[in-house]
């Protein structure tokens, strides 16, 4: 029954879920939190960027865990293919001809306090978390230092790339 639904999703929305094994074999199947990820085919990049321009991306993988990344990069099908990582798609200008490669939508969530003492706090935050919601969480707990960086449309994982501190 699940395979039939996956086939229906493919026919209507060009959506597949793949199980990527250690040998890189892919097969349509039902979703499982550790070994399956959502993969869309020929999705317009204009729907994934804030500037709303860009042609179709050949593959769009929704990354929801580090296991998704490990499984994806264990696959020989992506090893030598062009790829790009997207968070919220801000500050990205996509070509109208599209992208004949793999787009990795970073959607890893979670905020965990690793260590806290009287002088500092260390927090592990998923790369797909909204930067603004992370700043909001820190402010609501009275942790100061990044409150002036609120309102920036970026994910936590993109902050080193986009030089958020420059804002």
Foldseek 3Di string as FASTA:
>chain_A
DQQVVQVVCCVPFVKFKWFQDLAQDTDGDDDDVQGIWIKHAQDACLVQAPVSAGGTEGIETEDADVSVVVSVCSHPVQVPWDEDEDASRYPDDYDNVHHDHYYYYFQHADWAWPDDDPPDTDIDGGQNAFPQVVLVVCVVVVNDDCVVLHPDGHGPNCCVVVVSVVD
